[in-house]
Amino acid sequence: MKKEFVWVVSSELIEKKIGKINKFKIFKFNDLTEIFEKAIFINREEAEKNEKYKQIIPYTVFINKEKEVLMVKRTKNQSEKRLHEKLSVGIGGHINPEDKGPTAEMTFFNALNRENNEELHIENLNKLEYIGLIYNDSNEVSRVHIGIMFRAFVDNAEIKEKENFIGSWINHKNLNEEEKEKMEEWSKIALKYVGV
């Protein structure tokens, strides 16, 4: 099996530059540049187990003209078994060497664009806004990732990878208890700060 390399930054640097993140933190995007510049690519297998590093994940919440949020359900075909059948409102993923740009910031945005376009058919991206940082230390998946959250205002978006995800537009204020229970932790956090 081909090795995957992912963009990581030391947990020590995150703590030093950003401080403790209790689920969500507003932090200036410009101040992330220094962190991006210190990021390196390591083998994903190591990154998933080594808490000395945080994998940097672009995480975008899509909002349509009706102020509905795109919710996706991960199917059992998805590679990350720990997240099967979970509901998510964020589109995102790892940053890989193929995303490398002339600057560290470009590397980040190349990955954000690639992930969004790999997973969705997007109809008119009207605005992309940075919101803040998501971090949750309650489980082994979250402890080795840090989410950089954006919201994208679009006319429409549809899932491309229908075998991996099922998508629907929701009024997130009307979610029932069962749906809330199935939400990934990052999504529960994101919905509190998405601002619609």
N, C-alpha and C. Protein backbone atom coordinates (compact mmCIF):
# COMPACT_ATOMS: atom_id res chain seq x y z
N MET A 1 0.83 -1.19 0.00
CA MET A 1 0.00 0.00 0.00
C MET A 1 0.87 1.26 0.00
N LYS A 2 0.51 2.25 -0.81
CA LYS A 2 1.29 3.47 -0.93
C LYS A 2 1.19 4.29 0.36
N LYS A 3 2.35 4.79 0.81
CA LYS A 3 2.36 5.61 2.01
C LYS A 3 1.79 6.98 1.70
N GLU A 4 1.02 7.51 2.66
CA GLU A 4 0.50 8.87 2.52
C GLU A 4 1.26 9.77 3.49
N PHE A 5 1.67 10.93 3.01
CA PHE A 5 2.35 11.90 3.86
C PHE A 5 1.41 13.08 4.10
N VAL A 6 1.38 13.53 5.36
CA VAL A 6 0.46 14.61 5.75
C VAL A 6 1.24 15.74 6.43
N TRP A 7 0.67 16.93 6.32
CA TRP A 7 1.27 18.16 6.84
C TRP A 7 0.97 18.27 8.33
N VAL A 8 2.00 18.37 9.14
CA VAL A 8 1.83 18.44 10.59
C VAL A 8 2.66 19.58 11.16
N VAL A 9 2.28 19.97 12.37
CA VAL A 9 3.07 20.96 13.09
C VAL A 9 3.21 20.44 14.51
N SER A 10 4.28 20.83 15.19
CA SER A 10 4.50 20.28 16.53
C SER A 10 3.43 20.81 17.50
N SER A 11 2.97 19.91 18.37
CA SER A 11 1.97 20.28 19.37
C SER A 11 2.53 21.35 20.30
N GLU A 12 3.82 21.28 20.54
CA GLU A 12 4.51 22.26 21.40
C GLU A 12 4.41 23.67 20.81
N LEU A 13 4.61 23.77 19.51
CA LEU A 13 4.53 25.07 18.84
C LEU A 13 3.10 25.62 18.90
N ILE A 14 2.12 24.75 18.70
CA ILE A 14 0.70 25.18 18.78
C ILE A 14 0.43 25.76 20.16
N GLU A 15 0.88 25.04 21.18
CA GLU A 15 0.63 25.50 22.55
C GLU A 15 1.33 26.83 22.83
N LYS A 16 2.55 26.95 22.31
CA LYS A 16 3.34 28.16 22.54
C LYS A 16 2.74 29.38 21.83
N LYS A 17 2.34 29.19 20.57
CA LYS A 17 1.87 30.32 19.75
C LYS A 17 0.37 30.61 19.92
N ILE A 18 -0.42 29.57 20.14
CA ILE A 18 -1.87 29.73 20.17
C ILE A 18 -2.42 29.62 21.59
N GLY A 19 -1.75 28.81 22.42
CA GLY A 19 -2.26 28.56 23.77
C GLY A 19 -3.26 27.42 23.75
N LYS A 20 -3.92 27.23 24.85
CA LYS A 20 -4.89 26.12 24.96
C LYS A 20 -6.13 26.44 24.12
N ILE A 21 -6.58 25.45 23.38
CA ILE A 21 -7.82 25.60 22.60
C ILE A 21 -8.86 24.70 23.25
N ASN A 22 -9.86 25.32 23.86
CA ASN A 22 -10.93 24.54 24.47
C ASN A 22 -12.07 24.42 23.47
N LYS A 23 -11.96 23.47 22.56
CA LYS A 23 -12.92 23.19 21.48
C LYS A 23 -12.86 24.21 20.35
N PHE A 24 -12.95 25.51 20.66
CA PHE A 24 -12.93 26.53 19.59
C PHE A 24 -12.17 27.75 20.08
N LYS A 25 -11.42 28.36 19.14
CA LYS A 25 -10.69 29.58 19.51
C LYS A 25 -10.65 30.52 18.32
N ILE A 26 -10.98 31.78 18.59
CA ILE A 26 -10.81 32.80 17.56
C ILE A 26 -9.34 33.20 17.61
N PHE A 27 -8.69 33.11 16.46
CA PHE A 27 -7.25 33.37 16.36
C PHE A 27 -7.01 33.96 14.98
N LYS A 28 -6.29 35.07 14.90
CA LYS A 28 -6.10 35.75 13.61
C LYS A 28 -5.46 34.82 12.58
N PHE A 29 -6.04 34.80 11.37
CA PHE A 29 -5.50 33.91 10.34
C PHE A 29 -4.06 34.29 10.00
N ASN A 30 -3.77 35.59 9.93
CA ASN A 30 -2.40 36.03 9.60
C ASN A 30 -1.37 35.48 10.57
N ASP A 31 -1.78 35.30 11.83
CA ASP A 31 -0.86 34.77 12.83
C ASP A 31 -0.62 33.27 12.70
N LEU A 32 -1.38 32.62 11.81
CA LEU A 32 -1.15 31.19 11.55
C LEU A 32 0.02 30.98 10.58
N THR A 33 0.41 32.05 9.87
CA THR A 33 1.47 31.92 8.85
C THR A 33 2.74 31.33 9.44
N GLU A 34 3.12 31.81 10.61
CA GLU A 34 4.35 31.31 11.24
C GLU A 34 4.25 29.82 11.56
N ILE A 35 3.05 29.40 11.95
CA ILE A 35 2.83 27.98 12.25
C ILE A 35 2.90 27.17 10.96
N PHE A 36 2.24 27.66 9.90
CA PHE A 36 2.29 26.98 8.60
C PHE A 36 3.74 26.83 8.12
N GLU A 37 4.54 27.87 8.33
CA GLU A 37 5.93 27.85 7.85
C GLU A 37 6.78 26.80 8.56
N LYS A 38 6.35 26.38 9.75
CA LYS A 38 7.11 25.36 10.50
C LYS A 38 6.53 23.96 10.28
N ALA A 39 5.48 23.86 9.47
CA ALA A 39 4.85 22.56 9.23
C ALA A 39 5.74 21.69 8.34
N ILE A 40 5.67 20.39 8.55
CA ILE A 40 6.45 19.41 7.77
C ILE A 40 5.52 18.27 7.33
N PHE A 41 5.97 17.51 6.34
CA PHE A 41 5.22 16.33 5.92
C PHE A 41 5.82 15.10 6.58
N ILE A 42 4.96 14.30 7.24
CA ILE A 42 5.42 13.02 7.79
C ILE A 42 4.43 11.93 7.38
N ASN A 43 4.85 10.70 7.56
CA ASN A 43 4.02 9.54 7.23
C ASN A 43 2.73 9.59 8.05
N ARG A 44 1.59 9.45 7.39
CA ARG A 44 0.30 9.55 8.09
C ARG A 44 0.16 8.49 9.18
N GLU A 45 0.71 7.32 8.92
CA GLU A 45 0.62 6.24 9.92
C GLU A 45 1.23 6.69 11.24
N GLU A 46 2.36 7.38 11.16
CA GLU A 46 3.01 7.90 12.37
C GLU A 46 2.19 9.05 12.95
N ALA A 47 1.73 9.94 12.08
CA ALA A 47 0.99 11.13 12.53
C ALA A 47 -0.27 10.77 13.30
N GLU A 48 -0.92 9.67 12.91
CA GLU A 48 -2.17 9.27 13.57
C GLU A 48 -1.95 8.76 15.00
N LYS A 49 -0.69 8.37 15.30
CA LYS A 49 -0.41 7.80 16.62
C LYS A 49 0.44 8.69 17.50
N ASN A 50 1.07 9.71 16.91
CA ASN A 50 2.06 10.50 17.63
C ASN A 50 1.49 11.85 18.05
N GLU A 51 1.20 11.99 19.33
CA GLU A 51 0.57 13.22 19.82
C GLU A 51 1.54 14.40 19.95
N LYS A 52 2.80 14.18 19.55
CA LYS A 52 3.75 15.30 19.50
C LYS A 52 3.43 16.21 18.32
N TYR A 53 2.60 15.70 17.40
CA TYR A 53 2.24 16.47 16.20
C TYR A 53 0.74 16.66 16.11
N LYS A 54 0.36 17.76 15.44
CA LYS A 54 -1.05 17.97 15.09
C LYS A 54 -1.12 18.04 13.56
N GLN A 55 -2.04 17.27 12.98
CA GLN A 55 -2.27 17.35 11.54
C GLN A 55 -3.17 18.56 11.27
N ILE A 56 -2.75 19.40 10.34
CA ILE A 56 -3.51 20.62 10.02
C ILE A 56 -4.59 20.27 9.01
N ILE A 57 -5.84 20.55 9.37
CA ILE A 57 -6.98 20.17 8.53
C ILE A 57 -7.79 21.40 8.13
N PRO A 58 -7.83 21.77 6.83
CA PRO A 58 -8.79 22.79 6.39
C PRO A 58 -10.20 22.21 6.55
N TYR A 59 -11.11 22.99 7.13
CA TYR A 59 -12.44 22.48 7.48
C TYR A 59 -13.47 23.53 7.08
N THR A 60 -14.26 23.24 6.04
CA THR A 60 -15.19 24.24 5.49
C THR A 60 -16.64 23.81 5.69
N VAL A 61 -17.43 24.72 6.26
CA VAL A 61 -18.87 24.52 6.41
C VAL A 61 -19.56 25.27 5.27
N PHE A 62 -20.40 24.57 4.50
CA PHE A 62 -21.07 25.16 3.34
C PHE A 62 -22.48 25.62 3.71
N ILE A 63 -22.81 26.83 3.27
CA ILE A 63 -24.10 27.45 3.59
C ILE A 63 -24.74 27.91 2.27
N ASN A 64 -26.03 27.58 2.09
CA ASN A 64 -26.70 28.00 0.85
C ASN A 64 -27.49 29.30 1.06
N LYS A 65 -28.21 29.75 0.02
CA LYS A 65 -28.92 31.03 0.09
C LYS A 65 -30.05 31.03 1.13
N GLU A 66 -30.55 29.82 1.45
CA GLU A 66 -31.62 29.71 2.46
C GLU A 66 -31.05 29.65 3.88
N LYS A 67 -29.73 29.84 3.98
CA LYS A 67 -29.01 29.75 5.27
C LYS A 67 -29.06 28.32 5.86
N GLU A 68 -29.18 27.35 4.95
CA GLU A 68 -29.10 25.95 5.37
C GLU A 68 -27.63 25.51 5.29
N VAL A 69 -27.30 24.54 6.13
CA VAL A 69 -25.94 24.02 6.19
C VAL A 69 -25.90 22.64 5.52
N LEU A 70 -24.84 22.38 4.76
CA LEU A 70 -24.69 21.06 4.13
C LEU A 70 -24.22 20.05 5.16
N MET A 71 -25.02 19.01 5.37
CA MET A 71 -24.65 17.94 6.30
C MET A 71 -24.32 16.69 5.49
N VAL A 72 -23.24 16.02 5.84
CA VAL A 72 -22.87 14.78 5.15
C VAL A 72 -22.78 13.64 6.15
N LYS A 73 -23.20 12.47 5.67
CA LYS A 73 -23.09 11.25 6.48
C LYS A 73 -22.02 10.38 5.83
N ARG A 74 -21.08 9.93 6.63
CA ARG A 74 -20.00 9.07 6.12
C ARG A 74 -20.51 7.64 6.00
N THR A 75 -20.35 7.04 4.84
CA THR A 75 -20.79 5.66 4.66
C THR A 75 -19.68 4.69 5.09
N LYS A 76 -19.99 3.42 5.08
CA LYS A 76 -19.00 2.41 5.49
C LYS A 76 -17.91 2.21 4.45
N ASN A 77 -18.04 2.83 3.27
CA ASN A 77 -16.98 2.73 2.25
C ASN A 77 -15.83 3.68 2.54
N GLN A 78 -16.04 4.62 3.45
CA GLN A 78 -15.03 5.64 3.74
C GLN A 78 -13.83 5.02 4.43
N SER A 79 -12.63 5.54 4.15
CA SER A 79 -11.40 4.91 4.65
C SER A 79 -11.25 4.99 6.18
N GLU A 80 -11.70 6.09 6.80
CA GLU A 80 -11.52 6.25 8.25
C GLU A 80 -12.66 5.53 9.00
N LYS A 81 -12.36 4.26 9.40
CA LYS A 81 -13.39 3.41 10.02
C LYS A 81 -13.96 4.01 11.31
N ARG A 82 -13.13 4.78 12.02
CA ARG A 82 -13.58 5.34 13.30
C ARG A 82 -14.71 6.36 13.12
N LEU A 83 -14.93 6.81 11.86
CA LEU A 83 -15.95 7.84 11.63
C LEU A 83 -17.16 7.35 10.83
N HIS A 84 -17.25 6.03 10.58
CA HIS A 84 -18.38 5.48 9.82
C HIS A 84 -19.71 5.85 10.45
N GLU A 85 -20.69 6.18 9.58
CA GLU A 85 -22.07 6.50 9.98
C GLU A 85 -22.19 7.80 10.77
N LYS A 86 -21.09 8.51 10.95
CA LYS A 86 -21.14 9.79 11.67
C LYS A 86 -21.64 10.89 10.74
N LEU A 87 -22.25 11.91 11.32
CA LEU A 87 -22.72 13.07 10.57
C LEU A 87 -21.70 14.20 10.72
N SER A 88 -21.50 14.93 9.63
CA SER A 88 -20.53 16.02 9.66
C SER A 88 -21.07 17.21 8.87
N VAL A 89 -20.72 18.41 9.32
CA VAL A 89 -21.06 19.61 8.54
C VAL A 89 -19.80 20.24 7.96
N GLY A 90 -18.67 19.58 8.14
CA GLY A 90 -17.41 20.13 7.62
C GLY A 90 -16.85 19.29 6.50
N ILE A 91 -16.42 19.96 5.44
CA ILE A 91 -15.70 19.28 4.36
C ILE A 91 -14.23 19.62 4.56
N GLY A 92 -13.41 18.60 4.60
CA GLY A 92 -11.98 18.88 4.82
C GLY A 92 -11.18 17.61 4.75
N GLY A 93 -9.90 17.75 4.94
CA GLY A 93 -9.03 16.58 4.89
C GLY A 93 -7.59 16.97 5.06
N HIS A 94 -6.74 15.98 4.94
CA HIS A 94 -5.31 16.18 5.15
C HIS A 94 -4.68 17.01 4.04
N ILE A 95 -3.60 17.67 4.39
CA ILE A 95 -2.79 18.41 3.42
C ILE A 95 -1.64 17.48 3.03
N ASN A 96 -1.47 17.26 1.73
CA ASN A 96 -0.49 16.31 1.21
C ASN A 96 0.60 17.03 0.40
N PRO A 97 1.72 16.34 0.11
CA PRO A 97 2.79 16.98 -0.67
C PRO A 97 2.33 17.54 -2.02
N GLU A 98 1.30 16.94 -2.63
CA GLU A 98 0.80 17.44 -3.92
C GLU A 98 0.23 18.86 -3.81
N ASP A 99 -0.08 19.29 -2.57
CA ASP A 99 -0.65 20.63 -2.36
C ASP A 99 0.42 21.71 -2.23
N LYS A 100 1.67 21.31 -2.18
CA LYS A 100 2.76 22.26 -1.91
C LYS A 100 2.74 23.43 -2.89
N GLY A 101 2.74 24.64 -2.32
CA GLY A 101 2.74 25.86 -3.13
C GLY A 101 4.00 26.66 -2.89
N PRO A 102 4.13 27.84 -3.52
CA PRO A 102 5.33 28.66 -3.35
C PRO A 102 5.48 29.22 -1.93
N THR A 103 4.37 29.29 -1.18
CA THR A 103 4.44 29.70 0.23
C THR A 103 3.66 28.68 1.05
N ALA A 104 3.89 28.69 2.36
CA ALA A 104 3.18 27.77 3.25
C ALA A 104 1.68 28.07 3.24
N GLU A 105 1.33 29.34 3.17
CA GLU A 105 -0.09 29.71 3.14
C GLU A 105 -0.76 29.17 1.87
N MET A 106 -0.04 29.24 0.74
CA MET A 106 -0.58 28.69 -0.52
C MET A 106 -0.77 27.18 -0.41
N THR A 107 0.16 26.51 0.26
CA THR A 107 0.02 25.07 0.48
C THR A 107 -1.30 24.78 1.19
N PHE A 108 -1.59 25.56 2.22
CA PHE A 108 -2.85 25.39 2.96
C PHE A 108 -4.06 25.59 2.04
N PHE A 109 -4.07 26.70 1.28
CA PHE A 109 -5.24 26.99 0.44
C PHE A 109 -5.36 26.03 -0.74
N ASN A 110 -4.23 25.55 -1.26
CA ASN A 110 -4.29 24.53 -2.31
C ASN A 110 -5.03 23.29 -1.80
N ALA A 111 -4.71 22.91 -0.55
CA ALA A 111 -5.36 21.72 0.04
C ALA A 111 -6.84 21.97 0.29
N LEU A 112 -7.16 23.16 0.80
CA LEU A 112 -8.57 23.50 1.05
C LEU A 112 -9.37 23.41 -0.24
N ASN A 113 -8.84 24.01 -1.31
CA ASN A 113 -9.54 23.98 -2.61
C ASN A 113 -9.64 22.56 -3.16
N ARG A 114 -8.55 21.81 -3.06
CA ARG A 114 -8.56 20.43 -3.58
C ARG A 114 -9.61 19.60 -2.86
N GLU A 115 -9.61 19.65 -1.53
CA GLU A 115 -10.56 18.85 -0.74
C GLU A 115 -12.00 19.21 -1.10
N ASN A 116 -12.30 20.52 -1.13
CA ASN A 116 -13.67 20.94 -1.43
C ASN A 116 -14.11 20.50 -2.82
N ASN A 117 -13.19 20.63 -3.79
CA ASN A 117 -13.54 20.28 -5.18
C ASN A 117 -13.52 18.77 -5.44
N GLU A 118 -12.76 18.02 -4.64
CA GLU A 118 -12.79 16.56 -4.76
C GLU A 118 -14.13 16.01 -4.27
N GLU A 119 -14.64 16.63 -3.21
CA GLU A 119 -15.83 16.07 -2.55
C GLU A 119 -17.14 16.66 -3.04
N LEU A 120 -17.10 17.89 -3.62
CA LEU A 120 -18.34 18.56 -3.97
C LEU A 120 -18.35 19.14 -5.38
N HIS A 121 -19.56 19.14 -6.00
CA HIS A 121 -19.82 19.99 -7.16
C HIS A 121 -20.33 21.30 -6.57
N ILE A 122 -19.58 22.37 -6.71
CA ILE A 122 -19.96 23.65 -6.09
C ILE A 122 -20.52 24.59 -7.15
N GLU A 123 -21.70 25.12 -6.85
CA GLU A 123 -22.33 26.07 -7.76
C GLU A 123 -22.20 27.47 -7.15
N ASN A 124 -21.35 28.29 -7.77
CA ASN A 124 -21.11 29.68 -7.34
C ASN A 124 -20.68 29.81 -5.88
N LEU A 125 -19.37 29.79 -5.69
CA LEU A 125 -18.81 30.10 -4.37
C LEU A 125 -18.81 31.62 -4.25
N ASN A 126 -19.74 32.15 -3.46
CA ASN A 126 -19.92 33.60 -3.37
C ASN A 126 -18.98 34.26 -2.36
N LYS A 127 -18.66 33.53 -1.29
CA LYS A 127 -17.77 34.10 -0.28
C LYS A 127 -17.19 32.97 0.56
N LEU A 128 -15.90 33.12 0.92
CA LEU A 128 -15.23 32.16 1.81
C LEU A 128 -14.68 32.97 2.98
N GLU A 129 -15.09 32.60 4.20
CA GLU A 129 -14.67 33.36 5.38
C GLU A 129 -14.01 32.45 6.41
N TYR A 130 -12.88 32.91 6.93
CA TYR A 130 -12.20 32.21 8.02
C TYR A 130 -12.94 32.49 9.32
N ILE A 131 -13.15 31.45 10.14
CA ILE A 131 -13.89 31.60 11.39
C ILE A 131 -12.99 31.43 12.62
N GLY A 132 -12.19 30.37 12.66
CA GLY A 132 -11.34 30.13 13.83
C GLY A 132 -10.82 28.70 13.85
N LEU A 133 -10.34 28.29 15.02
CA LEU A 133 -9.68 26.99 15.17
C LEU A 133 -10.54 26.03 15.98
N ILE A 134 -10.54 24.78 15.55
CA ILE A 134 -11.27 23.73 16.27
C ILE A 134 -10.25 22.71 16.77
N TYR A 135 -10.38 22.38 18.04
CA TYR A 135 -9.54 21.31 18.60
C TYR A 135 -10.32 20.63 19.71
N ASN A 136 -10.28 19.31 19.72
CA ASN A 136 -11.03 18.55 20.71
C ASN A 136 -10.14 17.40 21.16
N ASP A 137 -9.85 17.34 22.45
CA ASP A 137 -8.93 16.29 22.93
C ASP A 137 -9.65 15.11 23.56
N SER A 138 -10.96 14.96 23.28
CA SER A 138 -11.73 13.92 23.96
C SER A 138 -11.57 12.52 23.35
N ASN A 139 -10.98 12.40 22.17
CA ASN A 139 -10.77 11.07 21.59
C ASN A 139 -9.48 11.02 20.78
N GLU A 140 -9.06 9.79 20.46
CA GLU A 140 -7.75 9.60 19.82
C GLU A 140 -7.66 10.19 18.41
N VAL A 141 -8.80 10.27 17.70
CA VAL A 141 -8.78 10.87 16.35
C VAL A 141 -8.52 12.38 16.48
N SER A 142 -9.31 13.03 17.32
CA SER A 142 -9.24 14.49 17.44
C SER A 142 -7.93 14.98 18.03
N ARG A 143 -7.35 14.22 18.94
CA ARG A 143 -6.14 14.69 19.64
C ARG A 143 -4.97 14.97 18.72
N VAL A 144 -4.95 14.33 17.54
CA VAL A 144 -3.81 14.52 16.63
C VAL A 144 -4.17 15.40 15.42
N HIS A 145 -5.27 16.14 15.52
CA HIS A 145 -5.70 17.03 14.43
C HIS A 145 -6.05 18.41 14.98
N ILE A 146 -5.84 19.43 14.16
CA ILE A 146 -6.35 20.77 14.47
C ILE A 146 -7.09 21.26 13.23
N GLY A 147 -8.32 21.73 13.43
CA GLY A 147 -9.15 22.19 12.31
C GLY A 147 -9.05 23.69 12.13
N ILE A 148 -8.89 24.12 10.89
CA ILE A 148 -8.88 25.55 10.58
C ILE A 148 -10.20 25.79 9.83
N MET A 149 -11.15 26.40 10.54
CA MET A 149 -12.54 26.43 10.08
C MET A 149 -12.86 27.67 9.24
N PHE A 150 -13.52 27.39 8.11
CA PHE A 150 -14.03 28.42 7.21
C PHE A 150 -15.51 28.18 7.01
N ARG A 151 -16.22 29.21 6.56
CA ARG A 151 -17.57 28.99 6.05
C ARG A 151 -17.62 29.49 4.62
N ALA A 152 -18.32 28.74 3.78
CA ALA A 152 -18.42 29.06 2.36
C ALA A 152 -19.87 29.29 2.02
N PHE A 153 -20.17 30.46 1.47
CA PHE A 153 -21.53 30.78 1.04
C PHE A 153 -21.64 30.44 -0.44
N VAL A 154 -22.55 29.53 -0.77
CA VAL A 154 -22.68 29.03 -2.15
C VAL A 154 -24.15 29.06 -2.58
N ASP A 155 -24.38 29.02 -3.91
CA ASP A 155 -25.75 28.86 -4.40
C ASP A 155 -26.21 27.42 -4.12
N ASN A 156 -25.30 26.48 -4.37
CA ASN A 156 -25.61 25.06 -4.12
C ASN A 156 -24.31 24.26 -4.09
N ALA A 157 -24.38 23.08 -3.50
CA ALA A 157 -23.25 22.15 -3.53
C ALA A 157 -23.81 20.74 -3.43
N GLU A 158 -23.24 19.83 -4.22
CA GLU A 158 -23.69 18.43 -4.20
C GLU A 158 -22.50 17.51 -4.03
N ILE A 159 -22.72 16.42 -3.33
CA ILE A 159 -21.67 15.43 -3.08
C ILE A 159 -21.24 14.77 -4.38
N LYS A 160 -19.93 14.66 -4.59
CA LYS A 160 -19.40 13.90 -5.74
C LYS A 160 -19.22 12.44 -5.35
N GLU A 161 -18.61 12.20 -4.18
CA GLU A 161 -18.27 10.83 -3.77
C GLU A 161 -19.48 10.17 -3.11
N LYS A 162 -20.49 9.87 -3.93
CA LYS A 162 -21.74 9.35 -3.38
C LYS A 162 -21.57 7.98 -2.70
N GLU A 163 -20.51 7.26 -3.04
CA GLU A 163 -20.28 5.98 -2.37
C GLU A 163 -19.70 6.19 -0.96
N ASN A 164 -19.08 7.37 -0.70
CA ASN A 164 -18.48 7.64 0.60
C ASN A 164 -19.32 8.54 1.51
N PHE A 165 -20.17 9.37 0.87
CA PHE A 165 -20.94 10.35 1.65
C PHE A 165 -22.37 10.45 1.12
N ILE A 166 -23.30 10.75 2.03
CA ILE A 166 -24.67 11.09 1.64
C ILE A 166 -24.87 12.53 2.14
N GLY A 167 -25.31 13.42 1.26
CA GLY A 167 -25.43 14.83 1.64
C GLY A 167 -26.86 15.32 1.67
N SER A 168 -27.14 16.28 2.58
CA SER A 168 -28.46 16.95 2.61
C SER A 168 -28.30 18.33 3.24
N TRP A 169 -29.16 19.25 2.81
CA TRP A 169 -29.15 20.60 3.40
C TRP A 169 -30.08 20.62 4.60
N ILE A 170 -29.62 21.20 5.70
CA ILE A 170 -30.41 21.20 6.93
C ILE A 170 -30.49 22.59 7.55
N ASN A 171 -31.57 22.81 8.28
CA ASN A 171 -31.61 23.97 9.18
C ASN A 171 -31.04 23.43 10.49
N HIS A 172 -29.81 23.79 10.80
CA HIS A 172 -29.12 23.14 11.92
C HIS A 172 -29.76 23.45 13.28
N LYS A 173 -30.59 24.48 13.32
CA LYS A 173 -31.26 24.81 14.60
C LYS A 173 -32.40 23.83 14.88
N ASN A 174 -32.81 23.07 13.86
CA ASN A 174 -33.92 22.12 14.03
C ASN A 174 -33.47 20.65 14.09
N LEU A 175 -32.21 20.40 14.38
CA LEU A 175 -31.73 19.02 14.44
C LEU A 175 -32.40 18.28 15.60
N ASN A 176 -32.77 17.02 15.37
CA ASN A 176 -33.35 16.24 16.47
C ASN A 176 -32.22 15.62 17.31
N GLU A 177 -32.58 15.07 18.46
CA GLU A 177 -31.58 14.54 19.40
C GLU A 177 -30.75 13.41 18.79
N GLU A 178 -31.40 12.56 17.99
CA GLU A 178 -30.69 11.43 17.35
C GLU A 178 -29.62 11.95 16.39
N GLU A 179 -29.97 12.99 15.62
CA GLU A 179 -29.00 13.58 14.69
C GLU A 179 -27.85 14.23 15.45
N LYS A 180 -28.18 14.94 16.51
CA LYS A 180 -27.13 15.59 17.33
C LYS A 180 -26.17 14.55 17.89
N GLU A 181 -26.75 13.41 18.31
CA GLU A 181 -25.96 12.33 18.89
C GLU A 181 -24.97 11.74 17.89
N LYS A 182 -25.39 11.68 16.60
CA LYS A 182 -24.53 11.09 15.55
C LYS A 182 -23.50 12.06 14.99
N MET A 183 -23.57 13.32 15.40
CA MET A 183 -22.64 14.34 14.90
C MET A 183 -21.22 14.07 15.39
N GLU A 184 -20.26 14.25 14.50
CA GLU A 184 -18.86 14.24 14.92
C GLU A 184 -18.65 15.41 15.88
N GLU A 185 -17.68 15.25 16.77
CA GLU A 185 -17.42 16.30 17.76
C GLU A 185 -17.10 17.64 17.11
N TRP A 186 -16.28 17.63 16.05
CA TRP A 186 -15.93 18.90 15.38
C TRP A 186 -17.18 19.58 14.83
N SER A 187 -18.12 18.79 14.33
CA SER A 187 -19.34 19.37 13.76
C SER A 187 -20.21 20.00 14.84
N LYS A 188 -20.27 19.35 16.00
CA LYS A 188 -21.02 19.92 17.12
C LYS A 188 -20.44 21.28 17.48
N ILE A 189 -19.12 21.36 17.48
CA ILE A 189 -18.43 22.62 17.79
C ILE A 189 -18.70 23.64 16.69
N ALA A 190 -18.51 23.22 15.43
CA ALA A 190 -18.65 24.13 14.29
C ALA A 190 -20.03 24.77 14.25
N LEU A 191 -21.07 24.00 14.53
CA LEU A 191 -22.43 24.53 14.45
C LEU A 191 -22.69 25.64 15.47
N LYS A 192 -21.94 25.64 16.56
CA LYS A 192 -22.10 26.72 17.56
C LYS A 192 -21.50 28.04 17.07
N TYR A 193 -20.55 27.93 16.14
CA TYR A 193 -19.80 29.13 15.73
C TYR A 193 -19.98 29.51 14.26
N VAL A 194 -20.84 28.77 13.54
CA VAL A 194 -20.98 29.01 12.10
C VAL A 194 -21.68 30.34 11.81
N GLY A 195 -22.48 30.81 12.76
CA GLY A 195 -23.02 32.16 12.65
C GLY A 195 -24.17 32.35 11.67
N VAL A 196 -24.98 31.30 11.41
CA VAL A 196 -26.19 31.48 10.59
C VAL A 196 -27.37 30.85 11.32
